Amino acid sequence: MTENNDKLREKQFKFARNLIILPFLGFALVVALLNIIYPDINTMMVLFGLFFFYNTGLLFVSFLKHYKRIMILTLILTLMTLAIFGSLIYLYGKGNNLF
């Protein structure tokens, strides 16, 4: 029984490392560099929109694999990315007098 739990934890850790931790670090590096080099709200909207869809896909995959802790983590990350994406859309609309 403990061997199955250890295998499951190892699979969950590999999933989290390969699909959550490393891509998030890369995304943070890309966002930081783009904000320094080319600060444009359109670029940030595209990046956060794509990352929102990536997080939604991760949430779906973790739901299918029954990874409970990772599913909660991806749900929180998806909601945070949605909040940032929504605020960027609001700021874009406010800056261009669309509202």
C-alpha atoms as a PDB file:
ATOM      1  CA  MET A   1       0.000   0.000   0.000  1.00  0.00           C
ATOM      2  CA  THR A   2       2.753   2.468   0.869  1.00  0.00           C
ATOM      3  CA  GLU A   3       4.559   1.595  -2.356  1.00  0.00           C
ATOM      4  CA  ASN A   4       1.502   2.655  -4.370  1.00  0.00           C
ATOM      5  CA  ASN A   5       1.286   5.907  -2.395  1.00  0.00           C
ATOM      6  CA  ASP A   6       4.963   6.596  -3.007  1.00  0.00           C
ATOM      7  CA  LYS A   7       4.546   5.985  -6.741  1.00  0.00           C
ATOM      8  CA  LEU A   8       1.496   8.237  -6.856  1.00  0.00           C
ATOM      9  CA  ARG A   9       3.316  11.017  -4.982  1.00  0.00           C
ATOM     10  CA  GLU A  10       6.281  10.692  -7.317  1.00  0.00           C
ATOM     11  CA  LYS A  11       4.009  10.917 -10.377  1.00  0.00           C
ATOM     12  CA  GLN A  12       2.289  13.980  -8.908  1.00  0.00           C
ATOM     13  CA  PHE A  13       5.623  15.626  -8.120  1.00  0.00           C
ATOM     14  CA  LYS A  14       6.897  15.007 -11.667  1.00  0.00           C
ATOM     15  CA  PHE A  15       3.644  16.378 -13.080  1.00  0.00           C
ATOM     16  CA  ALA A  16       3.879  19.494 -10.913  1.00  0.00           C
ATOM     17  CA  ARG A  17       7.576  20.010 -11.662  1.00  0.00           C
ATOM     18  CA  ASN A  18       7.344  19.544 -15.417  1.00  0.00           C
ATOM     19  CA  LEU A  19       4.019  21.233 -16.115  1.00  0.00           C
ATOM     20  CA  ILE A  20       3.615  23.831 -13.350  1.00  0.00           C
ATOM     21  CA  ILE A  21       6.857  24.907 -11.696  1.00  0.00           C
ATOM     22  CA  LEU A  22       9.194  25.120 -14.703  1.00  0.00           C
ATOM     23  CA  PRO A  23       6.682  26.768 -17.101  1.00  0.00           C
ATOM     24  CA  PHE A  24       5.722  29.296 -14.426  1.00  0.00           C
ATOM     25  CA  LEU A  25       9.358  30.260 -13.936  1.00  0.00           C
ATOM     26  CA  GLY A  26       9.782  30.636 -17.687  1.00  0.00           C
ATOM     27  CA  PHE A  27       6.599  32.673 -17.953  1.00  0.00           C
ATOM     28  CA  ALA A  28       7.694  34.959 -15.106  1.00  0.00           C
ATOM     29  CA  LEU A  29      11.056  35.495 -16.794  1.00  0.00           C
ATOM     30  CA  VAL A  30       9.430  36.289 -20.157  1.00  0.00           C
ATOM     31  CA  VAL A  31       6.937  38.718 -18.571  1.00  0.00           C
ATOM     32  CA  ALA A  32       9.678  40.467 -16.588  1.00  0.00           C
ATOM     33  CA  LEU A  33      11.932  40.846 -19.625  1.00  0.00           C
ATOM     34  CA  LEU A  34       9.119  42.052 -21.863  1.00  0.00           C
ATOM     35  CA  ASN A  35       8.034  44.605 -19.266  1.00  0.00           C
ATOM     36  CA  ILE A  36      11.580  45.955 -19.140  1.00  0.00           C
ATOM     37  CA  ILE A  37      12.308  45.868 -22.881  1.00  0.00           C
ATOM     38  CA  TYR A  38       8.888  46.475 -24.464  1.00  0.00           C
ATOM     39  CA  PRO A  39       6.192  47.573 -21.979  1.00  0.00           C
ATOM     40  CA  ASP A  40       2.969  47.232 -23.970  1.00  0.00           C
ATOM     41  CA  ILE A  41      -0.425  46.280 -22.586  1.00  0.00           C
ATOM     42  CA  ASN A  42      -1.379  44.406 -25.769  1.00  0.00           C
ATOM     43  CA  THR A  43       1.559  42.056 -25.386  1.00  0.00           C
ATOM     44  CA  MET A  44       0.745  41.447 -21.728  1.00  0.00           C
ATOM     45  CA  MET A  45      -2.907  40.744 -22.586  1.00  0.00           C
ATOM     46  CA  VAL A  46      -1.844  38.136 -25.130  1.00  0.00           C
ATOM     47  CA  LEU A  47       0.629  36.501 -22.746  1.00  0.00           C
ATOM     48  CA  PHE A  48      -1.774  36.340 -19.814  1.00  0.00           C
ATOM     49  CA  GLY A  49      -4.611  35.165 -22.072  1.00  0.00           C
ATOM     50  CA  LEU A  50      -2.482  32.298 -23.381  1.00  0.00           C
ATOM     51  CA  PHE A  51      -1.314  31.461 -19.883  1.00  0.00           C
ATOM     52  CA  PHE A  52      -4.915  31.437 -18.663  1.00  0.00           C
ATOM     53  CA  PHE A  53      -5.769  28.814 -21.286  1.00  0.00           C
ATOM     54  CA  TYR A  54      -2.644  26.841 -20.318  1.00  0.00           C
ATOM     55  CA  ASN A  55      -3.730  26.853 -16.660  1.00  0.00           C
ATOM     56  CA  THR A  56      -7.247  25.802 -17.626  1.00  0.00           C
ATOM     57  CA  GLY A  57      -5.801  22.855 -19.554  1.00  0.00           C
ATOM     58  CA  LEU A  58      -3.662  21.894 -16.569  1.00  0.00           C
ATOM     59  CA  LEU A  59      -6.718  22.055 -14.336  1.00  0.00           C
ATOM     60  CA  PHE A  60      -8.572  19.700 -16.673  1.00  0.00           C
ATOM     61  CA  VAL A  61      -5.665  17.231 -16.874  1.00  0.00           C
ATOM     62  CA  SER A  62      -5.155  17.200 -13.106  1.00  0.00           C
ATOM     63  CA  PHE A  63      -8.906  16.594 -12.718  1.00  0.00           C
ATOM     64  CA  LEU A  64      -8.735  13.629 -15.095  1.00  0.00           C
ATOM     65  CA  LYS A  65      -5.740  12.139 -13.285  1.00  0.00           C
ATOM     66  CA  HIS A  66      -7.357  12.673  -9.853  1.00  0.00           C
ATOM     67  CA  TYR A  67      -4.451  14.722  -8.466  1.00  0.00           C
ATOM     68  CA  LYS A  68      -6.336  16.471  -5.677  1.00  0.00           C
ATOM     69  CA  ARG A  69      -3.609  18.747  -4.304  1.00  0.00           C
ATOM     70  CA  ILE A  70      -2.429  19.750  -7.762  1.00  0.00           C
ATOM     71  CA  MET A  71      -6.016  20.339  -8.846  1.00  0.00           C
ATOM     72  CA  ILE A  72      -6.503  22.805  -5.982  1.00  0.00           C
ATOM     73  CA  LEU A  73      -3.199  24.481  -6.863  1.00  0.00           C
ATOM     74  CA  THR A  74      -4.109  24.810 -10.536  1.00  0.00           C
ATOM     75  CA  LEU A  75      -7.587  26.101  -9.633  1.00  0.00           C
ATOM     76  CA  ILE A  76      -6.023  28.877  -7.533  1.00  0.00           C
ATOM     77  CA  LEU A  77      -3.494  29.673 -10.266  1.00  0.00           C
ATOM     78  CA  THR A  78      -6.215  29.713 -12.925  1.00  0.00           C
ATOM     79  CA  LEU A  79      -8.349  32.126 -10.899  1.00  0.00           C
ATOM     80  CA  MET A  80      -5.357  34.393 -10.266  1.00  0.00           C
ATOM     81  CA  THR A  81      -4.449  34.409 -13.952  1.00  0.00           C
ATOM     82  CA  LEU A  82      -8.080  35.136 -14.836  1.00  0.00           C
ATOM     83  CA  ALA A  83      -8.076  38.085 -12.420  1.00  0.00           C
ATOM     84  CA  ILE A  84      -4.905  39.519 -13.953  1.00  0.00           C
ATOM     85  CA  PHE A  85      -6.197  38.946 -17.486  1.00  0.00           C
ATOM     86  CA  GLY A  86      -9.524  40.598 -16.617  1.00  0.00           C
ATOM     87  CA  SER A  87      -7.810  43.604 -15.058  1.00  0.00           C
ATOM     88  CA  LEU A  88      -5.608  43.977 -18.144  1.00  0.00           C
ATOM     89  CA  ILE A  89      -8.675  43.941 -20.393  1.00  0.00           C
ATOM     90  CA  TYR A  90     -10.326  46.521 -18.126  1.00  0.00           C
ATOM     91  CA  LEU A  91      -7.243  48.764 -18.194  1.00  0.00           C
ATOM     92  CA  TYR A  92      -7.008  48.439 -21.967  1.00  0.00           C
ATOM     93  CA  GLY A  93     -10.664  49.384 -22.384  1.00  0.00           C
ATOM     94  CA  LYS A  94     -10.364  52.255 -19.924  1.00  0.00           C
ATOM     95  CA  GLY A  95      -7.246  53.605 -21.650  1.00  0.00           C
ATOM     96  CA  ASN A  96      -8.871  53.485 -25.096  1.00  0.00           C
ATOM     97  CA  ASN A  97     -12.247  54.890 -23.951  1.00  0.00           C
ATOM     98  CA  LEU A  98     -14.117  51.694 -24.729  1.00  0.00           C
ATOM     99  CA  PHE A  99     -16.143  51.793 -21.504  1.00  0.00           C
END
